[in-house]
Amino acid sequence: MKARTRVRKDYDERRAQILECALTIFSDRSYDEVSSAELAAAAGVSRGLLNHYFGTKRDLYLAAVEQLLHVPPIPVPPYVAGAGIRDRVEQSIDGWLELLERNQGTWLAALARTAPGGDDRLGAILDEARDRAVERITEVVGLTPAARVHPGVRALLRGYSGMAEATSQEWLRYGRITREQTRVILQETLLHLIEQVLPQITD
């Protein structure tokens, strides 16, 4: 039994090692610029072993993106009635921007490949991430109960998440705004939606 457990641990460790190397490489360079041979060399394994663990380069890339999007967010104080929403929103957005900045290559490549005619599987991964982002926002601002009753809450926050993606590209891809400007845009927009727009669609 112990031998089988050790084999499984070795498998998991090797897979995690390959995935970590791939995430680092894809964060610096686009998908098309990286070869399977290069990924294998960086992870210290043969190309055949890389394929054994992940199948194809595309499968490894999808796993790397999924890993990125499952990174736990920086903790935000739990919602307490009467506490300041602004502080929780600011902390949550700062955590998200830090995650994007550390992994901007992978993030931007993922968004580019989900454009019309892009990768359907990658699109599904990102769509699930957007759903989780909406869940996260409802927790941060204390709207989880309202979201269960009013479909408009989720619709509003899904729209906001799309705007957040576009704004992040203005910062990371095009350099038209700074990180601080990105933070202000996302923070103030979300607060405005919660305080001014949401009451009008949930009455």
C-alpha atoms as a PDB file:
ATOM      1  CA  MET A   1       0.000   0.000   0.000  1.00  0.00           C
ATOM      2  CA  LYS A   2       2.817   2.395   0.882  1.00  0.00           C
ATOM      3  CA  ALA A   3       4.542   1.668  -2.419  1.00  0.00           C
ATOM      4  CA  ARG A   4       1.405   2.530  -4.385  1.00  0.00           C
ATOM      5  CA  THR A   5       0.979   5.742  -2.378  1.00  0.00           C
ATOM      6  CA  ARG A   6       4.578   6.742  -3.136  1.00  0.00           C
ATOM      7  CA  VAL A   7       4.107   6.076  -6.852  1.00  0.00           C
ATOM      8  CA  ARG A   8       1.043   8.296  -6.867  1.00  0.00           C
ATOM      9  CA  LYS A   9       2.932  11.031  -5.036  1.00  0.00           C
ATOM     10  CA  ASP A  10       5.762  10.858  -7.545  1.00  0.00           C
ATOM     11  CA  TYR A  11       3.229  11.133 -10.361  1.00  0.00           C
ATOM     12  CA  ASP A  12       1.524  14.148  -8.801  1.00  0.00           C
ATOM     13  CA  GLU A  13       4.826  15.874  -8.060  1.00  0.00           C
ATOM     14  CA  ARG A  14       6.120  15.379 -11.589  1.00  0.00           C
ATOM     15  CA  ARG A  15       2.854  16.580 -13.102  1.00  0.00           C
ATOM     16  CA  ALA A  16       2.870  19.666 -10.864  1.00  0.00           C
ATOM     17  CA  GLN A  17       6.499  20.354 -11.856  1.00  0.00           C
ATOM     18  CA  ILE A  18       5.653  20.246 -15.554  1.00  0.00           C
ATOM     19  CA  LEU A  19       2.591  22.430 -15.029  1.00  0.00           C
ATOM     20  CA  GLU A  20       4.547  25.022 -13.036  1.00  0.00           C
ATOM     21  CA  CYS A  21       7.200  25.278 -15.750  1.00  0.00           C
ATOM     22  CA  ALA A  22       4.551  25.590 -18.454  1.00  0.00           C
ATOM     23  CA  LEU A  23       2.741  28.329 -16.545  1.00  0.00           C
ATOM     24  CA  THR A  24       5.974  30.296 -16.207  1.00  0.00           C
ATOM     25  CA  ILE A  25       6.773  29.986 -19.909  1.00  0.00           C
ATOM     26  CA  PHE A  26       3.259  30.772 -21.118  1.00  0.00           C
ATOM     27  CA  SER A  27       3.177  33.817 -18.834  1.00  0.00           C
ATOM     28  CA  ASP A  28       6.196  35.246 -20.669  1.00  0.00           C
ATOM     29  CA  ARG A  29       5.458  34.192 -24.254  1.00  0.00           C
ATOM     30  CA  SER A  30       2.486  33.437 -26.442  1.00  0.00           C
ATOM     31  CA  TYR A  31       1.178  29.935 -27.075  1.00  0.00           C
ATOM     32  CA  ASP A  32       2.389  29.844 -30.687  1.00  0.00           C
ATOM     33  CA  GLU A  33       5.943  30.871 -29.743  1.00  0.00           C
ATOM     34  CA  VAL A  34       6.471  27.861 -27.470  1.00  0.00           C
ATOM     35  CA  SER A  35       7.196  24.312 -28.651  1.00  0.00           C
ATOM     36  CA  SER A  36       6.497  21.031 -26.874  1.00  0.00           C
ATOM     37  CA  ALA A  37      10.226  20.270 -26.960  1.00  0.00           C
ATOM     38  CA  GLU A  38      10.989  23.529 -25.166  1.00  0.00           C
ATOM     39  CA  LEU A  39       8.353  22.849 -22.533  1.00  0.00           C
ATOM     40  CA  ALA A  40       9.750  19.381 -21.921  1.00  0.00           C
ATOM     41  CA  ALA A  41      13.321  20.690 -21.648  1.00  0.00           C
ATOM     42  CA  ALA A  42      12.311  23.394 -19.174  1.00  0.00           C
ATOM     43  CA  ALA A  43      10.578  20.813 -16.986  1.00  0.00           C
ATOM     44  CA  GLY A  44      13.532  18.426 -17.207  1.00  0.00           C
ATOM     45  CA  VAL A  45      11.550  15.615 -18.830  1.00  0.00           C
ATOM     46  CA  SER A  46      11.446  13.963 -22.218  1.00  0.00           C
ATOM     47  CA  ARG A  47       8.866  15.047 -24.758  1.00  0.00           C
ATOM     48  CA  GLY A  48       7.350  11.590 -24.547  1.00  0.00           C
ATOM     49  CA  LEU A  49       6.918  11.907 -20.788  1.00  0.00           C
ATOM     50  CA  LEU A  50       5.373  15.351 -21.198  1.00  0.00           C
ATOM     51  CA  ASN A  51       2.868  13.860 -23.631  1.00  0.00           C
ATOM     52  CA  HIS A  52       2.228  11.012 -21.188  1.00  0.00           C
ATOM     53  CA  TYR A  53       1.177  13.473 -18.496  1.00  0.00           C
ATOM     54  CA  PHE A  54      -0.696  16.020 -20.603  1.00  0.00           C
ATOM     55  CA  GLY A  55      -1.287  14.636 -24.091  1.00  0.00           C
ATOM     56  CA  THR A  56      -0.615  17.581 -26.396  1.00  0.00           C
ATOM     57  CA  LYS A  57       0.822  21.065 -26.038  1.00  0.00           C
ATOM     58  CA  ARG A  58      -2.721  22.400 -26.250  1.00  0.00           C
ATOM     59  CA  ASP A  59      -3.827  20.147 -23.374  1.00  0.00           C
ATOM     60  CA  LEU A  60      -0.908  21.376 -21.282  1.00  0.00           C
ATOM     61  CA  TYR A  61      -1.725  24.993 -22.119  1.00  0.00           C
ATOM     62  CA  LEU A  62      -5.365  24.496 -21.129  1.00  0.00           C
ATOM     63  CA  ALA A  63      -4.255  22.923 -17.851  1.00  0.00           C
ATOM     64  CA  ALA A  64      -1.936  25.884 -17.203  1.00  0.00           C
ATOM     65  CA  VAL A  65      -4.723  28.402 -17.836  1.00  0.00           C
ATOM     66  CA  GLU A  66      -7.100  26.444 -15.605  1.00  0.00           C
ATOM     67  CA  GLN A  67      -4.452  26.364 -12.888  1.00  0.00           C
ATOM     68  CA  LEU A  68      -3.995  30.133 -13.184  1.00  0.00           C
ATOM     69  CA  LEU A  69      -7.710  30.812 -12.939  1.00  0.00           C
ATOM     70  CA  HIS A  70      -8.055  28.568  -9.889  1.00  0.00           C
ATOM     71  CA  VAL A  71      -5.439  30.414  -7.855  1.00  0.00           C
ATOM     72  CA  PRO A  72      -7.176  31.357  -4.584  1.00  0.00           C
ATOM     73  CA  PRO A  73      -7.900  35.083  -4.302  1.00  0.00           C
ATOM     74  CA  ILE A  74      -6.226  37.126  -1.604  1.00  0.00           C
ATOM     75  CA  PRO A  75      -8.454  36.843   1.507  1.00  0.00           C
ATOM     76  CA  VAL A  76     -11.021  39.579   1.968  1.00  0.00           C
ATOM     77  CA  PRO A  77     -12.712  40.224   5.322  1.00  0.00           C
ATOM     78  CA  PRO A  78     -16.106  38.496   5.496  1.00  0.00           C
ATOM     79  CA  TYR A  79     -19.159  40.612   4.949  1.00  0.00           C
ATOM     80  CA  VAL A  80     -20.615  42.105   8.117  1.00  0.00           C
ATOM     81  CA  ALA A  81     -23.722  44.275   8.023  1.00  0.00           C
ATOM     82  CA  GLY A  82     -22.687  47.890   8.411  1.00  0.00           C
ATOM     83  CA  ALA A  83     -19.024  47.279   7.535  1.00  0.00           C
ATOM     84  CA  GLY A  84     -17.396  49.185   4.686  1.00  0.00           C
ATOM     85  CA  ILE A  85     -17.963  47.676   1.264  1.00  0.00           C
ATOM     86  CA  ARG A  86     -15.363  49.989  -0.266  1.00  0.00           C
ATOM     87  CA  ASP A  87     -12.505  48.422   1.726  1.00  0.00           C
ATOM     88  CA  ARG A  88     -13.509  44.890   0.751  1.00  0.00           C
ATOM     89  CA  VAL A  89     -13.900  45.848  -2.910  1.00  0.00           C
ATOM     90  CA  GLU A  90     -10.497  47.551  -2.968  1.00  0.00           C
ATOM     91  CA  GLN A  91      -8.746  44.551  -1.410  1.00  0.00           C
ATOM     92  CA  SER A  92     -10.420  42.116  -3.782  1.00  0.00           C
ATOM     93  CA  ILE A  93      -9.560  44.134  -6.889  1.00  0.00           C
ATOM     94  CA  ASP A  94      -5.961  44.653  -5.730  1.00  0.00           C
ATOM     95  CA  GLY A  95      -5.616  40.899  -5.320  1.00  0.00           C
ATOM     96  CA  TRP A  96      -6.998  40.264  -8.806  1.00  0.00           C
ATOM     97  CA  LEU A  97      -4.703  42.846 -10.405  1.00  0.00           C
ATOM     98  CA  GLU A  98      -1.688  41.336  -8.651  1.00  0.00           C
ATOM     99  CA  LEU A  99      -2.613  37.902 -10.008  1.00  0.00           C
ATOM    100  CA  LEU A 100      -2.963  39.266 -13.540  1.00  0.00           C
ATOM    101  CA  GLU A 101       0.292  41.191 -13.384  1.00  0.00           C
ATOM    102  CA  ARG A 102       2.224  38.092 -12.298  1.00  0.00           C
ATOM    103  CA  ASN A 103       0.686  35.984 -15.068  1.00  0.00           C
ATOM    104  CA  GLN A 104      -0.108  38.519 -17.752  1.00  0.00           C
ATOM    105  CA  GLY A 105       1.265  36.498 -20.666  1.00  0.00           C
ATOM    106  CA  THR A 106      -0.990  33.519 -19.960  1.00  0.00           C
ATOM    107  CA  TRP A 107      -3.975  35.740 -19.239  1.00  0.00           C
ATOM    108  CA  LEU A 108      -3.675  37.818 -22.404  1.00  0.00           C
ATOM    109  CA  ALA A 109      -3.063  34.763 -24.558  1.00  0.00           C
ATOM    110  CA  ALA A 110      -6.123  33.072 -23.078  1.00  0.00           C
ATOM    111  CA  LEU A 111      -8.324  36.073 -23.860  1.00  0.00           C
ATOM    112  CA  ALA A 112      -6.943  36.287 -27.403  1.00  0.00           C
ATOM    113  CA  ARG A 113      -7.618  32.620 -28.077  1.00  0.00           C
ATOM    114  CA  THR A 114     -11.250  32.914 -26.968  1.00  0.00           C
ATOM    115  CA  ALA A 115     -12.003  35.526 -29.625  1.00  0.00           C
ATOM    116  CA  PRO A 116     -14.528  34.511 -32.338  1.00  0.00           C
ATOM    117  CA  GLY A 117     -13.244  31.373 -34.049  1.00  0.00           C
ATOM    118  CA  GLY A 118     -10.882  30.619 -31.158  1.00  0.00           C
ATOM    119  CA  ASP A 119     -10.552  27.669 -28.817  1.00  0.00           C
ATOM    120  CA  ASP A 120     -13.923  26.394 -27.544  1.00  0.00           C
ATOM    121  CA  ARG A 121     -12.431  24.442 -24.633  1.00  0.00           C
ATOM    122  CA  LEU A 122     -10.457  27.451 -23.515  1.00  0.00           C
ATOM    123  CA  GLY A 123     -13.610  29.528 -23.798  1.00  0.00           C
ATOM    124  CA  ALA A 124     -15.414  27.093 -21.503  1.00  0.00           C
ATOM    125  CA  ILE A 125     -12.601  27.343 -18.929  1.00  0.00           C
ATOM    126  CA  LEU A 126     -12.777  31.134 -18.984  1.00  0.00           C
ATOM    127  CA  ASP A 127     -16.559  31.091 -18.787  1.00  0.00           C
ATOM    128  CA  GLU A 128     -16.403  28.965 -15.651  1.00  0.00           C
ATOM    129  CA  ALA A 129     -13.845  31.403 -14.243  1.00  0.00           C
ATOM    130  CA  ARG A 130     -16.238  34.277 -14.947  1.00  0.00           C
ATOM    131  CA  ASP A 131     -18.976  32.466 -13.038  1.00  0.00           C
ATOM    132  CA  ARG A 132     -16.620  32.003 -10.105  1.00  0.00           C
ATOM    133  CA  ALA A 133     -15.694  35.689 -10.303  1.00  0.00           C
ATOM    134  CA  VAL A 134     -19.368  36.615 -10.027  1.00  0.00           C
ATOM    135  CA  GLU A 135     -19.706  34.338  -7.001  1.00  0.00           C
ATOM    136  CA  ARG A 136     -16.662  35.996  -5.479  1.00  0.00           C
ATOM    137  CA  ILE A 137     -18.012  39.500  -6.026  1.00  0.00           C
ATOM    138  CA  THR A 138     -21.373  38.625  -4.474  1.00  0.00           C
ATOM    139  CA  GLU A 139     -19.528  37.344  -1.389  1.00  0.00           C
ATOM    140  CA  VAL A 140     -17.295  40.404  -1.147  1.00  0.00           C
ATOM    141  CA  VAL A 141     -20.174  42.881  -1.278  1.00  0.00           C
ATOM    142  CA  GLY A 142     -22.727  40.766   0.581  1.00  0.00           C
ATOM    143  CA  LEU A 143     -25.062  40.115  -2.341  1.00  0.00           C
ATOM    144  CA  THR A 144     -25.160  36.307  -2.226  1.00  0.00           C
ATOM    145  CA  PRO A 145     -28.725  36.157  -0.815  1.00  0.00           C
ATOM    146  CA  ALA A 146     -29.945  38.759  -3.331  1.00  0.00           C
ATOM    147  CA  ALA A 147     -28.337  36.874  -6.225  1.00  0.00           C
ATOM    148  CA  ARG A 148     -30.387  33.795  -5.348  1.00  0.00           C
ATOM    149  CA  VAL A 149     -33.610  35.775  -5.629  1.00  0.00           C
ATOM    150  CA  HIS A 150     -32.897  38.311  -8.371  1.00  0.00           C
ATOM    151  CA  PRO A 151     -31.386  37.041 -11.676  1.00  0.00           C
ATOM    152  CA  GLY A 152     -30.532  40.667 -12.455  1.00  0.00           C
ATOM    153  CA  VAL A 153     -27.784  40.625  -9.818  1.00  0.00           C
ATOM    154  CA  ARG A 154     -25.804  37.946 -11.625  1.00  0.00           C
ATOM    155  CA  ALA A 155     -26.524  39.529 -15.013  1.00  0.00           C
ATOM    156  CA  LEU A 156     -25.195  42.869 -13.805  1.00  0.00           C
ATOM    157  CA  LEU A 157     -22.044  41.338 -12.340  1.00  0.00           C
ATOM    158  CA  ARG A 158     -21.413  39.188 -15.413  1.00  0.00           C
ATOM    159  CA  GLY A 159     -21.495  42.385 -17.455  1.00  0.00           C
ATOM    160  CA  TYR A 160     -19.071  43.960 -15.009  1.00  0.00           C
ATOM    161  CA  SER A 161     -16.687  41.001 -15.304  1.00  0.00           C
ATOM    162  CA  GLY A 162     -16.597  41.488 -19.087  1.00  0.00           C
ATOM    163  CA  MET A 163     -15.750  45.136 -18.596  1.00  0.00           C
ATOM    164  CA  ALA A 164     -13.036  44.152 -16.110  1.00  0.00           C
ATOM    165  CA  GLU A 165     -11.441  41.855 -18.690  1.00  0.00           C
ATOM    166  CA  ALA A 166     -11.466  44.584 -21.338  1.00  0.00           C
ATOM    167  CA  THR A 167     -10.035  47.130 -18.900  1.00  0.00           C
ATOM    168  CA  SER A 168      -7.273  44.742 -17.863  1.00  0.00           C
ATOM    169  CA  GLN A 169      -6.223  44.490 -21.515  1.00  0.00           C
ATOM    170  CA  GLU A 170      -6.081  48.276 -21.816  1.00  0.00           C
ATOM    171  CA  TRP A 171      -3.546  48.137 -18.994  1.00  0.00           C
ATOM    172  CA  LEU A 172      -1.548  44.965 -19.712  1.00  0.00           C
ATOM    173  CA  ARG A 173      -1.727  44.591 -23.495  1.00  0.00           C
ATOM    174  CA  TYR A 174      -1.876  48.175 -24.751  1.00  0.00           C
ATOM    175  CA  GLY A 175      -0.399  50.197 -21.887  1.00  0.00           C
ATOM    176  CA  ARG A 176      -3.008  52.931 -22.302  1.00  0.00           C
ATOM    177  CA  ILE A 177      -3.651  53.112 -18.562  1.00  0.00           C
ATOM    178  CA  THR A 178      -1.628  52.320 -15.435  1.00  0.00           C
ATOM    179  CA  ARG A 179      -2.360  49.700 -12.825  1.00  0.00           C
ATOM    180  CA  GLU A 180      -3.563  52.412 -10.452  1.00  0.00           C
ATOM    181  CA  GLN A 181      -5.912  53.813 -13.089  1.00  0.00           C
ATOM    182  CA  THR A 182      -7.178  50.281 -13.742  1.00  0.00           C
ATOM    183  CA  ARG A 183      -7.848  49.831 -10.042  1.00  0.00           C
ATOM    184  CA  VAL A 184      -9.761  53.100  -9.818  1.00  0.00           C
ATOM    185  CA  ILE A 185     -11.876  52.288 -12.877  1.00  0.00           C
ATOM    186  CA  LEU A 186     -12.801  48.822 -11.653  1.00  0.00           C
ATOM    187  CA  GLN A 187     -13.348  49.869  -8.052  1.00  0.00           C
ATOM    188  CA  GLU A 188     -15.475  52.932  -8.709  1.00  0.00           C
ATOM    189  CA  THR A 189     -17.484  51.240 -11.458  1.00  0.00           C
ATOM    190  CA  LEU A 190     -18.354  48.287  -9.228  1.00  0.00           C
ATOM    191  CA  LEU A 191     -19.323  50.556  -6.338  1.00  0.00           C
ATOM    192  CA  HIS A 192     -21.492  52.669  -8.643  1.00  0.00           C
ATOM    193  CA  LEU A 193     -23.242  49.588 -10.014  1.00  0.00           C
ATOM    194  CA  ILE A 194     -23.933  48.278  -6.528  1.00  0.00           C
ATOM    195  CA  GLU A 195     -25.038  51.557  -5.013  1.00  0.00           C
ATOM    196  CA  GLN A 196     -26.837  53.245  -7.925  1.00  0.00           C
ATOM    197  CA  VAL A 197     -27.810  50.669 -10.560  1.00  0.00           C
ATOM    198  CA  LEU A 198     -28.577  47.514  -8.626  1.00  0.00           C
ATOM    199  CA  PRO A 199     -31.421  49.021  -6.573  1.00  0.00           C
ATOM    200  CA  GLN A 200     -33.185  49.977  -9.813  1.00  0.00           C
ATOM    201  CA  ILE A 201     -33.218  46.417 -11.168  1.00  0.00           C
ATOM    202  CA  THR A 202     -34.047  44.551  -7.966  1.00  0.00           C
ATOM    203  CA  ASP A 203     -37.044  46.579  -6.777  1.00  0.00           C
END
